[in-house]
């Protein structure tokens, strides 16, 4: 178990183990909240890492810019490739939303293994291929 850093009763408890915090008189509910906050940060970082492993910030900006340019066209004036790209961008957004939903579930469940690939939604290959272009 990692050590915790949190505020309680006007004091900062830095790098305390759960046991040390309880011995110091910190209520169990405060310790549990600190543990949950730490887990939430760790799960968030893992979610972010997985999303950026598919598409870097730069790749995401490039895809967004291209999607905006294509979306500015009328549907009838888009090429088949542009229409397909917009569909893949929607798949990407759907996957990110699924990742965020899973983040919330994993962050709330201390027993869940958020480092296990099986704990996260699989990214569609079409999305991986899209971001690989950028």
C-alpha atoms as a PDB file:
ATOM      1  CA  UNK A   1       0.000   0.000   0.000  1.00  0.00           C
ATOM      2  CA  UNK A   2       1.297   3.417  -0.923  1.00  0.00           C
ATOM      3  CA  UNK A   3       1.677   6.159   1.592  1.00  0.00           C
ATOM      4  CA  UNK A   4      -0.939   8.887   1.640  1.00  0.00           C
ATOM      5  CA  UNK A   5      -0.765  12.656   1.692  1.00  0.00           C
ATOM      6  CA  UNK A   6      -3.925  14.510   2.712  1.00  0.00           C
ATOM      7  CA  UNK A   7      -5.363  17.365   4.741  1.00  0.00           C
ATOM      8  CA  UNK A   8      -7.306  16.840   7.959  1.00  0.00           C
ATOM      9  CA  UNK A   9      -8.350  19.224  10.683  1.00  0.00           C
ATOM     10  CA  UNK A  10      -6.153  22.011   9.334  1.00  0.00           C
ATOM     11  CA  UNK A  11      -3.045  19.821   9.150  1.00  0.00           C
ATOM     12  CA  UNK A  12      -1.237  18.206   6.258  1.00  0.00           C
ATOM     13  CA  UNK A  13      -0.384  14.553   6.734  1.00  0.00           C
ATOM     14  CA  UNK A  14       2.403  13.873   4.268  1.00  0.00           C
ATOM     15  CA  UNK A  15       3.575  10.414   3.291  1.00  0.00           C
ATOM     16  CA  UNK A  16       1.567   8.625   6.017  1.00  0.00           C
ATOM     17  CA  UNK A  17       0.708   4.965   5.879  1.00  0.00           C
ATOM     18  CA  UNK A  18      -2.913   4.116   6.561  1.00  0.00           C
ATOM     19  CA  UNK A  19      -1.913   2.640   9.916  1.00  0.00           C
ATOM     20  CA  UNK A  20       0.152   5.669  10.927  1.00  0.00           C
ATOM     21  CA  UNK A  21      -2.710   8.002  10.043  1.00  0.00           C
ATOM     22  CA  UNK A  22      -5.135   6.009  12.166  1.00  0.00           C
ATOM     23  CA  UNK A  23      -2.667   5.944  15.081  1.00  0.00           C
ATOM     24  CA  UNK A  24      -2.328   9.732  14.731  1.00  0.00           C
ATOM     25  CA  UNK A  25      -6.060  10.003  15.324  1.00  0.00           C
ATOM     26  CA  UNK A  26      -7.221  10.588  11.768  1.00  0.00           C
ATOM     27  CA  UNK A  27     -10.750   9.204  11.387  1.00  0.00           C
ATOM     28  CA  UNK A  28     -11.055   6.089   9.257  1.00  0.00           C
ATOM     29  CA  UNK A  29     -13.433   7.899   6.889  1.00  0.00           C
ATOM     30  CA  UNK A  30     -10.768  10.528   6.174  1.00  0.00           C
ATOM     31  CA  UNK A  31      -8.177   7.828   5.520  1.00  0.00           C
ATOM     32  CA  UNK A  32     -10.590   5.994   3.194  1.00  0.00           C
ATOM     33  CA  UNK A  33     -11.280   9.226   1.302  1.00  0.00           C
ATOM     34  CA  UNK A  34      -7.537   9.792   0.893  1.00  0.00           C
ATOM     35  CA  UNK A  35      -7.088   6.233  -0.394  1.00  0.00           C
ATOM     36  CA  UNK A  36      -9.942   6.699  -2.844  1.00  0.00           C
ATOM     37  CA  UNK A  37      -8.466  10.011  -4.059  1.00  0.00           C
ATOM     38  CA  UNK A  38      -5.090   8.326  -4.633  1.00  0.00           C
ATOM     39  CA  UNK A  39      -6.723   5.446  -6.497  1.00  0.00           C
ATOM     40  CA  UNK A  40      -8.710   7.878  -8.609  1.00  0.00           C
ATOM     41  CA  UNK A  41      -5.489   9.670  -9.611  1.00  0.00           C
ATOM     42  CA  UNK A  42      -3.769   6.395 -10.469  1.00  0.00           C
ATOM     43  CA  UNK A  43      -6.696   5.078 -12.527  1.00  0.00           C
ATOM     44  CA  UNK A  44      -6.995   8.434 -14.292  1.00  0.00           C
ATOM     45  CA  UNK A  45      -3.306   8.343 -15.191  1.00  0.00           C
ATOM     46  CA  UNK A  46      -3.683   4.806 -16.560  1.00  0.00           C
ATOM     47  CA  UNK A  47      -6.734   5.776 -18.612  1.00  0.00           C
ATOM     48  CA  UNK A  48      -4.890   8.782 -20.007  1.00  0.00           C
ATOM     49  CA  UNK A  49      -1.813   6.678 -20.782  1.00  0.00           C
ATOM     50  CA  UNK A  50      -3.907   4.180 -22.727  1.00  0.00           C
ATOM     51  CA  UNK A  51      -5.674   6.880 -24.742  1.00  0.00           C
ATOM     52  CA  UNK A  52      -2.421   8.661 -25.579  1.00  0.00           C
ATOM     53  CA  UNK A  53      -0.830   5.335 -26.533  1.00  0.00           C
ATOM     54  CA  UNK A  54      -3.350   5.193 -29.382  1.00  0.00           C
ATOM     55  CA  UNK A  55      -3.062   8.840 -30.413  1.00  0.00           C
ATOM     56  CA  UNK A  56      -0.686  11.482 -29.116  1.00  0.00           C
ATOM     57  CA  UNK A  57      -2.005  14.952 -28.345  1.00  0.00           C
ATOM     58  CA  UNK A  58      -0.625  16.124 -31.689  1.00  0.00           C
ATOM     59  CA  UNK A  59      -2.268  13.266 -33.575  1.00  0.00           C
ATOM     60  CA  UNK A  60      -5.565  13.986 -31.828  1.00  0.00           C
ATOM     61  CA  UNK A  61      -5.350  17.665 -32.815  1.00  0.00           C
ATOM     62  CA  UNK A  62      -4.572  16.730 -36.417  1.00  0.00           C
ATOM     63  CA  UNK A  63      -7.504  14.301 -36.573  1.00  0.00           C
ATOM     64  CA  UNK A  64      -9.803  16.881 -35.008  1.00  0.00           C
ATOM     65  CA  UNK A  65      -8.724  19.545 -37.489  1.00  0.00           C
ATOM     66  CA  UNK A  66      -9.180  17.227 -40.456  1.00  0.00           C
ATOM     67  CA  UNK A  67     -12.572  16.059 -39.160  1.00  0.00           C
ATOM     68  CA  UNK A  68     -13.679  19.674 -38.747  1.00  0.00           C
ATOM     69  CA  UNK A  69     -12.654  20.484 -42.319  1.00  0.00           C
ATOM     70  CA  UNK A  70     -14.518  17.464 -43.650  1.00  0.00           C
ATOM     71  CA  UNK A  71     -17.556  18.214 -41.500  1.00  0.00           C
ATOM     72  CA  UNK A  72     -17.723  21.710 -42.970  1.00  0.00           C
ATOM     73  CA  UNK A  73     -18.561  20.171 -46.330  1.00  0.00           C
ATOM     74  CA  UNK A  74     -22.079  19.114 -47.146  1.00  0.00           C
ATOM     75  CA  UNK A  75     -22.574  15.365 -46.854  1.00  0.00           C
ATOM     76  CA  UNK A  76     -23.156  15.093 -50.600  1.00  0.00           C
ATOM     77  CA  UNK A  77     -19.816  16.745 -51.402  1.00  0.00           C
ATOM     78  CA  UNK A  78     -17.708  14.438 -49.190  1.00  0.00           C
ATOM     79  CA  UNK A  79     -15.682  11.688 -50.786  1.00  0.00           C
ATOM     80  CA  UNK A  80     -16.135   8.086 -49.707  1.00  0.00           C
ATOM     81  CA  UNK A  81     -12.796   8.335 -47.884  1.00  0.00           C
ATOM     82  CA  UNK A  82     -13.912  11.457 -46.024  1.00  0.00           C
ATOM     83  CA  UNK A  83     -17.192   9.830 -45.033  1.00  0.00           C
ATOM     84  CA  UNK A  84     -15.306   6.783 -43.791  1.00  0.00           C
ATOM     85  CA  UNK A  85     -12.913   8.976 -41.843  1.00  0.00           C
ATOM     86  CA  UNK A  86     -15.771  10.742 -40.087  1.00  0.00           C
ATOM     87  CA  UNK A  87     -17.223   7.361 -39.149  1.00  0.00           C
ATOM     88  CA  UNK A  88     -13.849   6.355 -37.688  1.00  0.00           C
ATOM     89  CA  UNK A  89     -13.605   9.634 -35.780  1.00  0.00           C
ATOM     90  CA  UNK A  90     -17.010   8.812 -34.267  1.00  0.00           C
ATOM     91  CA  UNK A  91     -15.686   5.362 -33.327  1.00  0.00           C
ATOM     92  CA  UNK A  92     -12.763   7.102 -31.649  1.00  0.00           C
ATOM     93  CA  UNK A  93     -15.076   9.364 -29.664  1.00  0.00           C
ATOM     94  CA  UNK A  94     -17.213   6.380 -28.667  1.00  0.00           C
ATOM     95  CA  UNK A  95     -14.114   4.525 -27.471  1.00  0.00           C
ATOM     96  CA  UNK A  96     -12.898   7.496 -25.427  1.00  0.00           C
ATOM     97  CA  UNK A  97     -16.340   7.791 -23.827  1.00  0.00           C
ATOM     98  CA  UNK A  98     -16.218   4.064 -23.002  1.00  0.00           C
ATOM     99  CA  UNK A  99     -12.754   4.560 -21.497  1.00  0.00           C
ATOM    100  CA  UNK A 100     -14.035   7.410 -19.325  1.00  0.00           C
ATOM    101  CA  UNK A 101     -16.986   5.332 -18.163  1.00  0.00           C
ATOM    102  CA  UNK A 102     -14.663   2.463 -17.323  1.00  0.00           C
ATOM    103  CA  UNK A 103     -12.366   4.865 -15.473  1.00  0.00           C
ATOM    104  CA  UNK A 104     -15.240   5.802 -13.170  1.00  0.00           C
ATOM    105  CA  UNK A 105     -16.034   2.136 -12.504  1.00  0.00           C
ATOM    106  CA  UNK A 106     -12.415   1.149 -11.891  1.00  0.00           C
ATOM    107  CA  UNK A 107     -11.719   4.157  -9.682  1.00  0.00           C
ATOM    108  CA  UNK A 108     -14.679   3.281  -7.463  1.00  0.00           C
ATOM    109  CA  UNK A 109     -13.748  -0.402  -7.083  1.00  0.00           C
ATOM    110  CA  UNK A 110     -10.631  -0.911  -4.928  1.00  0.00           C
ATOM    111  CA  UNK A 111     -10.550  -4.615  -5.854  1.00  0.00           C
ATOM    112  CA  UNK A 112     -10.486  -4.010  -9.620  1.00  0.00           C
ATOM    113  CA  UNK A 113      -7.138  -4.421 -11.386  1.00  0.00           C
ATOM    114  CA  UNK A 114      -6.929  -1.256 -13.471  1.00  0.00           C
ATOM    115  CA  UNK A 115      -3.537  -2.239 -14.885  1.00  0.00           C
ATOM    116  CA  UNK A 116      -4.969  -5.353 -16.559  1.00  0.00           C
ATOM    117  CA  UNK A 117      -5.681  -4.878 -20.261  1.00  0.00           C
ATOM    118  CA  UNK A 118      -8.887  -6.877 -19.850  1.00  0.00           C
ATOM    119  CA  UNK A 119     -10.202  -4.182 -17.497  1.00  0.00           C
ATOM    120  CA  UNK A 120     -10.386  -1.617 -20.304  1.00  0.00           C
ATOM    121  CA  UNK A 121     -12.433  -1.396 -23.517  1.00  0.00           C
ATOM    122  CA  UNK A 122     -10.495  -2.520 -26.571  1.00  0.00           C
ATOM    123  CA  UNK A 123      -9.729   0.201 -29.061  1.00  0.00           C
ATOM    124  CA  UNK A 124     -11.117  -0.562 -32.523  1.00  0.00           C
ATOM    125  CA  UNK A 125      -8.377  -1.340 -35.039  1.00  0.00           C
ATOM    126  CA  UNK A 126      -9.803   1.294 -37.396  1.00  0.00           C
ATOM    127  CA  UNK A 127      -9.158   3.941 -34.738  1.00  0.00           C
ATOM    128  CA  UNK A 128      -5.619   2.700 -34.153  1.00  0.00           C
ATOM    129  CA  UNK A 129      -5.023   2.807 -37.907  1.00  0.00           C
ATOM    130  CA  UNK A 130      -6.436   6.338 -38.154  1.00  0.00           C
ATOM    131  CA  UNK A 131      -4.119   7.759 -35.501  1.00  0.00           C
ATOM    132  CA  UNK A 132      -1.143   5.857 -36.918  1.00  0.00           C
ATOM    133  CA  UNK A 133      -1.423   8.120 -39.981  1.00  0.00           C
ATOM    134  CA  UNK A 134      -0.619  11.149 -37.870  1.00  0.00           C
END
